[in-house]
């Protein structure tokens, strides 16, 4: 197993351990919180990586081809500024 696959396996094992033995209500709540925080972290890291690619001179189309998403998705990733969203009050 390569190092990256091993890292993914360890993360998945850690998720299992976080909720082990909890009743379904507590598990669902904890996993909802985890999904939100992990999703935010992953989106931020992906956006940072894409912005770095832009800084290196790649076009949105080149980035889309390299990471396996559409041109439109690259635009969305770049526009998705987590710092602005964190300041937006809930409506």
PDB file of N, CA and C in Angstrom:
ATOM      1  N   UNK A   1       0.863  -1.183   0.000  1.00  0.00           N
ATOM      2  CA  UNK A   1       0.000   0.000   0.000  1.00  0.00           C
ATOM      3  C   UNK A   1       0.903   1.237   0.000  1.00  0.00           C
ATOM      4  N   UNK A   2       0.639   2.189  -0.885  1.00  0.00           N
ATOM      5  CA  UNK A   2       1.482   3.379  -0.915  1.00  0.00           C
ATOM      6  C   UNK A   2       1.163   4.302   0.256  1.00  0.00           C
ATOM      7  N   UNK A   3       2.033   5.288   0.479  1.00  0.00           N
ATOM      8  CA  UNK A   3       1.902   6.165   1.647  1.00  0.00           C
ATOM      9  C   UNK A   3       0.587   6.936   1.670  1.00  0.00           C
ATOM     10  N   UNK A   4       0.146   7.425   0.524  1.00  0.00           N
ATOM     11  CA  UNK A   4      -1.090   8.219   0.478  1.00  0.00           C
ATOM     12  C   UNK A   4      -2.304   7.340   0.790  1.00  0.00           C
ATOM     13  N   UNK A   5      -2.334   6.142   0.259  1.00  0.00           N
ATOM     14  CA  UNK A   5      -3.443   5.237   0.544  1.00  0.00           C
ATOM     15  C   UNK A   5      -3.451   4.874   2.035  1.00  0.00           C
ATOM     16  N   UNK A   6      -2.280   4.723   2.595  1.00  0.00           N
ATOM     17  CA  UNK A   6      -2.168   4.421   4.026  1.00  0.00           C
ATOM     18  C   UNK A   6      -2.686   5.595   4.854  1.00  0.00           C
ATOM     19  N   UNK A   7      -2.376   6.815   4.436  1.00  0.00           N
ATOM     20  CA  UNK A   7      -2.874   7.994   5.142  1.00  0.00           C
ATOM     21  C   UNK A   7      -4.396   8.033   5.120  1.00  0.00           C
ATOM     22  N   UNK A   8      -4.976   7.759   3.966  1.00  0.00           N
ATOM     23  CA  UNK A   8      -6.437   7.757   3.835  1.00  0.00           C
ATOM     24  C   UNK A   8      -7.031   6.692   4.745  1.00  0.00           C
ATOM     25  N   UNK A   9      -6.433   5.509   4.771  1.00  0.00           N
ATOM     26  CA  UNK A   9      -6.928   4.435   5.626  1.00  0.00           C
ATOM     27  C   UNK A   9      -6.883   4.853   7.093  1.00  0.00           C
ATOM     28  N   UNK A  10      -5.794   5.518   7.510  1.00  0.00           N
ATOM     29  CA  UNK A  10      -5.682   5.963   8.904  1.00  0.00           C
ATOM     30  C   UNK A  10      -6.749   6.998   9.245  1.00  0.00           C
ATOM     31  N   UNK A  11      -7.030   7.900   8.314  1.00  0.00           N
ATOM     32  CA  UNK A  11      -8.080   8.899   8.546  1.00  0.00           C
ATOM     33  C   UNK A  11      -9.431   8.207   8.704  1.00  0.00           C
ATOM     34  N   UNK A  12      -9.734   7.265   7.823  1.00  0.00           N
ATOM     35  CA  UNK A  12     -11.008   6.554   7.903  1.00  0.00           C
ATOM     36  C   UNK A  12     -11.109   5.746   9.198  1.00  0.00           C
ATOM     37  N   UNK A  13     -10.012   5.134   9.609  1.00  0.00           N
ATOM     38  CA  UNK A  13     -10.000   4.403  10.885  1.00  0.00           C
ATOM     39  C   UNK A  13     -10.242   5.358  12.055  1.00  0.00           C
ATOM     40  N   UNK A  14      -9.654   6.554  11.981  1.00  0.00           N
ATOM     41  CA  UNK A  14      -9.843   7.543  13.044  1.00  0.00           C
ATOM     42  C   UNK A  14     -11.297   7.988  13.126  1.00  0.00           C
ATOM     43  N   UNK A  15     -11.940   8.127  11.977  1.00  0.00           N
ATOM     44  CA  UNK A  15     -13.364   8.493  11.967  1.00  0.00           C
ATOM     45  C   UNK A  15     -14.177   7.407  12.654  1.00  0.00           C
ATOM     46  N   UNK A  16     -13.877   6.153  12.348  1.00  0.00           N
ATOM     47  CA  UNK A  16     -14.574   5.047  13.014  1.00  0.00           C
ATOM     48  C   UNK A  16     -14.360   5.109  14.521  1.00  0.00           C
ATOM     49  N   UNK A  17     -13.135   5.388  14.953  1.00  0.00           N
ATOM     50  CA  UNK A  17     -12.814   5.406  16.380  1.00  0.00           C
ATOM     51  C   UNK A  17     -13.518   6.544  17.109  1.00  0.00           C
ATOM     52  N   UNK A  18     -13.706   7.677  16.437  1.00  0.00           N
ATOM     53  CA  UNK A  18     -14.338   8.840  17.061  1.00  0.00           C
ATOM     54  C   UNK A  18     -15.767   8.530  17.489  1.00  0.00           C
ATOM     55  N   UNK A  19     -16.453   7.702  16.746  1.00  0.00           N
ATOM     56  CA  UNK A  19     -17.867   7.448  17.028  1.00  0.00           C
ATOM     57  C   UNK A  19     -18.127   6.060  17.610  1.00  0.00           C
ATOM     58  N   UNK A  20     -17.099   5.314  17.857  1.00  0.00           N
ATOM     59  CA  UNK A  20     -17.261   3.944  18.337  1.00  0.00           C
ATOM     60  C   UNK A  20     -18.005   3.897  19.668  1.00  0.00           C
ATOM     61  N   UNK A  21     -19.025   3.071  19.722  1.00  0.00           N
ATOM     62  CA  UNK A  21     -19.768   2.849  20.952  1.00  0.00           C
ATOM     63  C   UNK A  21     -20.813   3.901  21.278  1.00  0.00           C
ATOM     64  N   UNK A  22     -20.952   4.912  20.451  1.00  0.00           N
ATOM     65  CA  UNK A  22     -21.944   5.953  20.725  1.00  0.00           C
ATOM     66  C   UNK A  22     -23.312   5.542  20.198  1.00  0.00           C
ATOM     67  N   UNK A  23     -24.371   6.010  20.834  1.00  0.00           N
ATOM     68  CA  UNK A  23     -25.711   5.748  20.307  1.00  0.00           C
ATOM     69  C   UNK A  23     -25.875   6.467  18.962  1.00  0.00           C
ATOM     70  N   UNK A  24     -26.816   6.031  18.152  1.00  0.00           N
ATOM     71  CA  UNK A  24     -26.945   6.588  16.806  1.00  0.00           C
ATOM     72  C   UNK A  24     -27.153   8.100  16.769  1.00  0.00           C
ATOM     73  N   UNK A  25     -27.877   8.649  17.754  1.00  0.00           N
ATOM     74  CA  UNK A  25     -28.119  10.097  17.762  1.00  0.00           C
ATOM     75  C   UNK A  25     -26.805  10.861  17.956  1.00  0.00           C
ATOM     76  N   UNK A  26     -25.999  10.405  18.900  1.00  0.00           N
ATOM     77  CA  UNK A  26     -24.719  11.061  19.169  1.00  0.00           C
ATOM     78  C   UNK A  26     -23.759  10.874  17.992  1.00  0.00           C
ATOM     79  N   UNK A  27     -23.778   9.673  17.407  1.00  0.00           N
ATOM     80  CA  UNK A  27     -22.924   9.398  16.247  1.00  0.00           C
ATOM     81  C   UNK A  27     -23.281  10.317  15.086  1.00  0.00           C
ATOM     82  N   UNK A  28     -24.578  10.437  14.827  1.00  0.00           N
ATOM     83  CA  UNK A  28     -25.035  11.279  13.712  1.00  0.00           C
ATOM     84  C   UNK A  28     -24.628  12.729  13.939  1.00  0.00           C
ATOM     85  N   UNK A  29     -24.788  13.205  15.169  1.00  0.00           N
ATOM     86  CA  UNK A  29     -24.421  14.593  15.472  1.00  0.00           C
ATOM     87  C   UNK A  29     -22.919  14.797  15.314  1.00  0.00           C
ATOM     88  N   UNK A  30     -22.126  13.917  15.893  1.00  0.00           N
ATOM     89  CA  UNK A  30     -20.668  14.033  15.805  1.00  0.00           C
ATOM     90  C   UNK A  30     -20.200  13.959  14.356  1.00  0.00           C
ATOM     91  N   UNK A  31     -20.777  13.054  13.566  1.00  0.00           N
ATOM     92  CA  UNK A  31     -20.373  12.918  12.166  1.00  0.00           C
ATOM     93  C   UNK A  31     -20.793  14.132  11.341  1.00  0.00           C
ATOM     94  N   UNK A  32     -21.934  14.739  11.684  1.00  0.00           N
ATOM     95  CA  UNK A  32     -22.356  15.962  11.002  1.00  0.00           C
ATOM     96  C   UNK A  32     -21.357  17.076  11.257  1.00  0.00           C
ATOM     97  N   UNK A  33     -20.936  17.215  12.506  1.00  0.00           N
ATOM     98  CA  UNK A  33     -19.934  18.231  12.858  1.00  0.00           C
ATOM     99  C   UNK A  33     -18.603  17.949  12.148  1.00  0.00           C
ATOM    100  N   UNK A  34     -18.219  16.689  12.131  1.00  0.00           N
ATOM    101  CA  UNK A  34     -16.971  16.296  11.487  1.00  0.00           C
ATOM    102  C   UNK A  34     -17.024  16.572   9.985  1.00  0.00           C
ATOM    103  N   UNK A  35     -18.132  16.222   9.362  1.00  0.00           N
ATOM    104  CA  UNK A  35     -18.286  16.449   7.929  1.00  0.00           C
ATOM    105  C   UNK A  35     -18.170  17.925   7.593  1.00  0.00           C
ATOM    106  N   UNK A  36     -18.780  18.760   8.407  1.00  0.00           N
ATOM    107  CA  UNK A  36     -18.713  20.198   8.166  1.00  0.00           C
ATOM    108  C   UNK A  36     -17.277  20.708   8.272  1.00  0.00           C
ATOM    109  N   UNK A  37     -16.593  20.347   9.358  1.00  0.00           N
ATOM    110  CA  UNK A  37     -15.238  20.869   9.553  1.00  0.00           C
ATOM    111  C   UNK A  37     -14.245  20.283   8.550  1.00  0.00           C
ATOM    112  N   UNK A  38     -14.365  19.006   8.263  1.00  0.00           N
ATOM    113  CA  UNK A  38     -13.463  18.387   7.286  1.00  0.00           C
ATOM    114  C   UNK A  38     -13.737  18.966   5.894  1.00  0.00           C
ATOM    115  N   UNK A  39     -15.008  19.130   5.562  1.00  0.00           N
ATOM    116  CA  UNK A  39     -15.355  19.696   4.263  1.00  0.00           C
ATOM    117  C   UNK A  39     -14.788  21.089   4.088  1.00  0.00           C
ATOM    118  N   UNK A  40     -14.873  21.911   5.123  1.00  0.00           N
ATOM    119  CA  UNK A  40     -14.322  23.263   5.061  1.00  0.00           C
ATOM    120  C   UNK A  40     -12.812  23.225   4.865  1.00  0.00           C
ATOM    121  N   UNK A  41     -12.143  22.352   5.597  1.00  0.00           N
ATOM    122  CA  UNK A  41     -10.679  22.231   5.501  1.00  0.00           C
ATOM    123  C   UNK A  41     -10.265  21.769   4.111  1.00  0.00           C
ATOM    124  N   UNK A  42     -10.953  20.760   3.588  1.00  0.00           N
ATOM    125  CA  UNK A  42     -10.614  20.231   2.268  1.00  0.00           C
ATOM    126  C   UNK A  42     -10.844  21.295   1.189  1.00  0.00           C
ATOM    127  N   UNK A  43     -11.977  22.013   1.279  1.00  0.00           N
ATOM    128  CA  UNK A  43     -12.247  23.074   0.298  1.00  0.00           C
ATOM    129  C   UNK A  43     -11.168  24.153   0.341  1.00  0.00           C
ATOM    130  N   UNK A  44     -10.758  24.550   1.545  1.00  0.00           N
ATOM    131  CA  UNK A  44      -9.730  25.579   1.679  1.00  0.00           C
ATOM    132  C   UNK A  44      -8.405  25.103   1.093  1.00  0.00           C
ATOM    133  N   UNK A  45      -8.006  23.891   1.419  1.00  0.00           N
ATOM    134  CA  UNK A  45      -6.737  23.357   0.915  1.00  0.00           C
ATOM    135  C   UNK A  45      -6.764  23.214  -0.603  1.00  0.00           C
ATOM    136  N   UNK A  46      -7.901  22.757  -1.141  1.00  0.00           N
ATOM    137  CA  UNK A  46      -8.011  22.618  -2.600  1.00  0.00           C
ATOM    138  C   UNK A  46      -7.923  23.982  -3.259  1.00  0.00           C
ATOM    139  N   UNK A  47      -8.624  24.978  -2.695  1.00  0.00           N
ATOM    140  CA  UNK A  47      -8.596  26.327  -3.264  1.00  0.00           C
ATOM    141  C   UNK A  47      -7.172  26.879  -3.234  1.00  0.00           C
ATOM    142  N   UNK A  48      -6.479  26.690  -2.120  1.00  0.00           N
ATOM    143  CA  UNK A  48      -5.099  27.153  -2.027  1.00  0.00           C
ATOM    144  C   UNK A  48      -4.220  26.509  -3.099  1.00  0.00           C
ATOM    145  N   UNK A  49      -4.404  25.220  -3.326  1.00  0.00           N
ATOM    146  CA  UNK A  49      -3.618  24.515  -4.343  1.00  0.00           C
ATOM    147  C   UNK A  49      -3.931  25.050  -5.742  1.00  0.00           C
ATOM    148  N   UNK A  50      -5.208  25.284  -6.019  1.00  0.00           N
ATOM    149  CA  UNK A  50      -5.598  25.802  -7.333  1.00  0.00           C
ATOM    150  C   UNK A  50      -5.051  27.216  -7.518  1.00  0.00           C
ATOM    151  N   UNK A  51      -5.136  28.048  -6.492  1.00  0.00           N
ATOM    152  CA  UNK A  51      -4.585  29.403  -6.594  1.00  0.00           C
ATOM    153  C   UNK A  51      -3.071  29.364  -6.822  1.00  0.00           C
ATOM    154  N   UNK A  52      -2.406  28.405  -6.220  1.00  0.00           N
ATOM    155  CA  UNK A  52      -0.972  28.236  -6.453  1.00  0.00           C
ATOM    156  C   UNK A  52      -0.704  27.870  -7.912  1.00  0.00           C
ATOM    157  N   UNK A  53      -1.549  27.034  -8.478  1.00  0.00           N
ATOM    158  CA  UNK A  53      -1.405  26.665  -9.887  1.00  0.00           C
ATOM    159  C   UNK A  53      -1.587  27.897 -10.780  1.00  0.00           C
ATOM    160  N   UNK A  54      -2.549  28.745 -10.421  1.00  0.00           N
ATOM    161  CA  UNK A  54      -2.764  29.991 -11.170  1.00  0.00           C
ATOM    162  C   UNK A  54      -1.510  30.864 -11.078  1.00  0.00           C
ATOM    163  N   UNK A  55      -0.942  30.964  -9.876  1.00  0.00           N
ATOM    164  CA  UNK A  55       0.274  31.759  -9.686  1.00  0.00           C
ATOM    165  C   UNK A  55       1.437  31.238 -10.522  1.00  0.00           C
ATOM    166  N   UNK A  56       1.436  29.931 -10.783  1.00  0.00           N
ATOM    167  CA  UNK A  56       2.485  29.333 -11.610  1.00  0.00           C
ATOM    168  C   UNK A  56       2.200  29.504 -13.105  1.00  0.00           C
ATOM    169  N   UNK A  57       1.109  30.197 -13.431  1.00  0.00           N
ATOM    170  CA  UNK A  57       0.843  30.533 -14.826  1.00  0.00           C
ATOM    171  C   UNK A  57      -0.091  29.600 -15.568  1.00  0.00           C
ATOM    172  N   UNK A  58      -0.694  28.637 -14.888  1.00  0.00           N
ATOM    173  CA  UNK A  58      -1.619  27.741 -15.577  1.00  0.00           C
ATOM    174  C   UNK A  58      -2.947  28.445 -15.814  1.00  0.00           C
ATOM    175  N   UNK A  59      -3.572  28.135 -16.938  1.00  0.00           N
ATOM    176  CA  UNK A  59      -4.901  28.662 -17.223  1.00  0.00           C
ATOM    177  C   UNK A  59      -5.930  27.806 -16.490  1.00  0.00           C
ATOM    178  N   UNK A  60      -7.143  28.336 -16.381  1.00  0.00           N
ATOM    179  CA  UNK A  60      -8.217  27.574 -15.741  1.00  0.00           C
ATOM    180  C   UNK A  60      -8.458  26.261 -16.475  1.00  0.00           C
ATOM    181  N   UNK A  61      -8.377  26.294 -17.797  1.00  0.00           N
ATOM    182  CA  UNK A  61      -8.589  25.057 -18.571  1.00  0.00           C
ATOM    183  C   UNK A  61      -7.480  24.041 -18.300  1.00  0.00           C
ATOM    184  N   UNK A  62      -6.248  24.495 -18.203  1.00  0.00           N
ATOM    185  CA  UNK A  62      -5.146  23.584 -17.887  1.00  0.00           C
ATOM    186  C   UNK A  62      -5.329  22.981 -16.496  1.00  0.00           C
ATOM    187  N   UNK A  63      -5.726  23.823 -15.559  1.00  0.00           N
ATOM    188  CA  UNK A  63      -5.967  23.335 -14.198  1.00  0.00           C
ATOM    189  C   UNK A  63      -7.085  22.304 -14.206  1.00  0.00           C
ATOM    190  N   UNK A  64      -8.161  22.606 -14.922  1.00  0.00           N
ATOM    191  CA  UNK A  64      -9.297  21.676 -14.998  1.00  0.00           C
ATOM    192  C   UNK A  64      -8.834  20.320 -15.528  1.00  0.00           C
ATOM    193  N   UNK A  65      -8.042  20.333 -16.583  1.00  0.00           N
ATOM    194  CA  UNK A  65      -7.538  19.080 -17.153  1.00  0.00           C
ATOM    195  C   UNK A  65      -6.660  18.331 -16.152  1.00  0.00           C
ATOM    196  N   UNK A  66      -5.808  19.056 -15.453  1.00  0.00           N
ATOM    197  CA  UNK A  66      -4.871  18.408 -14.536  1.00  0.00           C
ATOM    198  C   UNK A  66      -5.536  17.829 -13.297  1.00  0.00           C
ATOM    199  N   UNK A  67      -6.604  18.464 -12.803  1.00  0.00           N
ATOM    200  CA  UNK A  67      -7.211  17.948 -11.570  1.00  0.00           C
ATOM    201  C   UNK A  67      -8.503  17.173 -11.827  1.00  0.00           C
ATOM    202  N   UNK A  68      -8.908  17.100 -13.099  1.00  0.00           N
ATOM    203  CA  UNK A  68     -10.048  16.253 -13.450  1.00  0.00           C
ATOM    204  C   UNK A  68     -11.413  16.841 -13.145  1.00  0.00           C
ATOM    205  N   UNK A  69     -11.519  18.170 -13.282  1.00  0.00           N
ATOM    206  CA  UNK A  69     -12.806  18.835 -13.099  1.00  0.00           C
ATOM    207  C   UNK A  69     -13.076  19.715 -14.320  1.00  0.00           C
ATOM    208  N   UNK A  70     -14.255  20.306 -14.355  1.00  0.00           N
ATOM    209  CA  UNK A  70     -14.593  21.176 -15.479  1.00  0.00           C
ATOM    210  C   UNK A  70     -14.001  22.571 -15.283  1.00  0.00           C
ATOM    211  N   UNK A  71     -13.936  23.308 -16.380  1.00  0.00           N
ATOM    212  CA  UNK A  71     -13.497  24.706 -16.348  1.00  0.00           C
ATOM    213  C   UNK A  71     -14.356  25.504 -15.371  1.00  0.00           C
ATOM    214  N   UNK A  72     -15.670  25.287 -15.432  1.00  0.00           N
ATOM    215  CA  UNK A  72     -16.591  25.981 -14.540  1.00  0.00           C
ATOM    216  C   UNK A  72     -16.332  25.671 -13.075  1.00  0.00           C
ATOM    217  N   UNK A  73     -15.972  24.423 -12.777  1.00  0.00           N
ATOM    218  CA  UNK A  73     -15.677  24.038 -11.395  1.00  0.00           C
ATOM    219  C   UNK A  73     -14.423  24.750 -10.911  1.00  0.00           C
ATOM    220  N   UNK A  74     -13.428  24.913 -11.774  1.00  0.00           N
ATOM    221  CA  UNK A  74     -12.225  25.657 -11.385  1.00  0.00           C
ATOM    222  C   UNK A  74     -12.608  27.078 -10.994  1.00  0.00           C
ATOM    223  N   UNK A  75     -13.463  27.697 -11.784  1.00  0.00           N
ATOM    224  CA  UNK A  75     -13.924  29.051 -11.463  1.00  0.00           C
ATOM    225  C   UNK A  75     -14.637  29.074 -10.117  1.00  0.00           C
ATOM    226  N   UNK A  76     -15.477  28.060  -9.857  1.00  0.00           N
ATOM    227  CA  UNK A  76     -16.183  27.986  -8.576  1.00  0.00           C
ATOM    228  C   UNK A  76     -15.212  27.807  -7.410  1.00  0.00           C
ATOM    229  N   UNK A  77     -14.222  26.959  -7.600  1.00  0.00           N
ATOM    230  CA  UNK A  77     -13.232  26.707  -6.544  1.00  0.00           C
ATOM    231  C   UNK A  77     -12.528  28.007  -6.186  1.00  0.00           C
ATOM    232  N   UNK A  78     -12.134  28.758  -7.197  1.00  0.00           N
ATOM    233  CA  UNK A  78     -11.419  30.011  -6.955  1.00  0.00           C
ATOM    234  C   UNK A  78     -12.329  31.041  -6.301  1.00  0.00           C
ATOM    235  N   UNK A  79     -13.582  31.068  -6.709  1.00  0.00           N
ATOM    236  CA  UNK A  79     -14.532  32.042  -6.149  1.00  0.00           C
ATOM    237  C   UNK A  79     -14.960  31.679  -4.731  1.00  0.00           C
ATOM    238  N   UNK A  80     -14.804  30.426  -4.336  1.00  0.00           N
ATOM    239  CA  UNK A  80     -15.237  29.943  -3.022  1.00  0.00           C
ATOM    240  C   UNK A  80     -14.234  30.358  -1.955  1.00  0.00           C
ATOM    241  N   UNK A  81     -14.366  31.597  -1.463  1.00  0.00           N
ATOM    242  CA  UNK A  81     -13.449  32.117  -0.456  1.00  0.00           C
ATOM    243  C   UNK A  81     -13.991  31.813   0.941  1.00  0.00           C
ATOM    244  N   UNK A  82     -13.396  30.854   1.644  1.00  0.00           N
ATOM    245  CA  UNK A  82     -13.901  30.459   2.961  1.00  0.00           C
ATOM    246  C   UNK A  82     -13.848  31.600   3.981  1.00  0.00           C
ATOM    247  N   UNK A  83     -12.919  32.522   3.834  1.00  0.00           N
ATOM    248  CA  UNK A  83     -12.830  33.642   4.776  1.00  0.00           C
ATOM    249  C   UNK A  83     -14.048  34.557   4.654  1.00  0.00           C
ATOM    250  N   UNK A  84     -14.518  34.780   3.439  1.00  0.00           N
ATOM    251  CA  UNK A  84     -15.714  35.592   3.239  1.00  0.00           C
ATOM    252  C   UNK A  84     -16.950  34.877   3.784  1.00  0.00           C
ATOM    253  N   UNK A  85     -17.035  33.566   3.575  1.00  0.00           N
ATOM    254  CA  UNK A  85     -18.189  32.797   4.033  1.00  0.00           C
ATOM    255  C   UNK A  85     -18.256  32.778   5.548  1.00  0.00           C
ATOM    256  N   UNK A  86     -17.101  32.740   6.199  1.00  0.00           N
ATOM    257  CA  UNK A  86     -17.084  32.688   7.664  1.00  0.00           C
ATOM    258  C   UNK A  86     -17.625  33.982   8.259  1.00  0.00           C
ATOM    259  N   UNK A  87     -17.549  35.075   7.514  1.00  0.00           N
ATOM    260  CA  UNK A  87     -18.011  36.365   8.005  1.00  0.00           C
ATOM    261  C   UNK A  87     -19.464  36.631   7.666  1.00  0.00           C
ATOM    262  N   UNK A  88     -20.062  35.807   6.816  1.00  0.00           N
ATOM    263  CA  UNK A  88     -21.441  36.006   6.396  1.00  0.00           C
ATOM    264  C   UNK A  88     -22.373  35.501   7.483  1.00  0.00           C
ATOM    265  N   UNK A  89     -23.277  36.355   8.012  1.00  0.00           N
ATOM    266  CA  UNK A  89     -24.215  35.891   9.042  1.00  0.00           C
ATOM    267  C   UNK A  89     -25.235  34.930   8.448  1.00  0.00           C
ATOM    268  N   UNK A  90     -25.690  34.008   9.266  1.00  0.00           N
ATOM    269  CA  UNK A  90     -26.726  33.062   8.822  1.00  0.00           C
ATOM    270  C   UNK A  90     -28.013  33.815   8.564  1.00  0.00           C
ATOM    271  N   UNK A  91     -28.707  33.389   7.515  1.00  0.00           N
ATOM    272  CA  UNK A  91     -29.917  34.076   7.133  1.00  0.00           C
ATOM    273  C   UNK A  91     -31.093  33.377   7.473  1.00  0.00           C
TER     274      UNK A  91
END
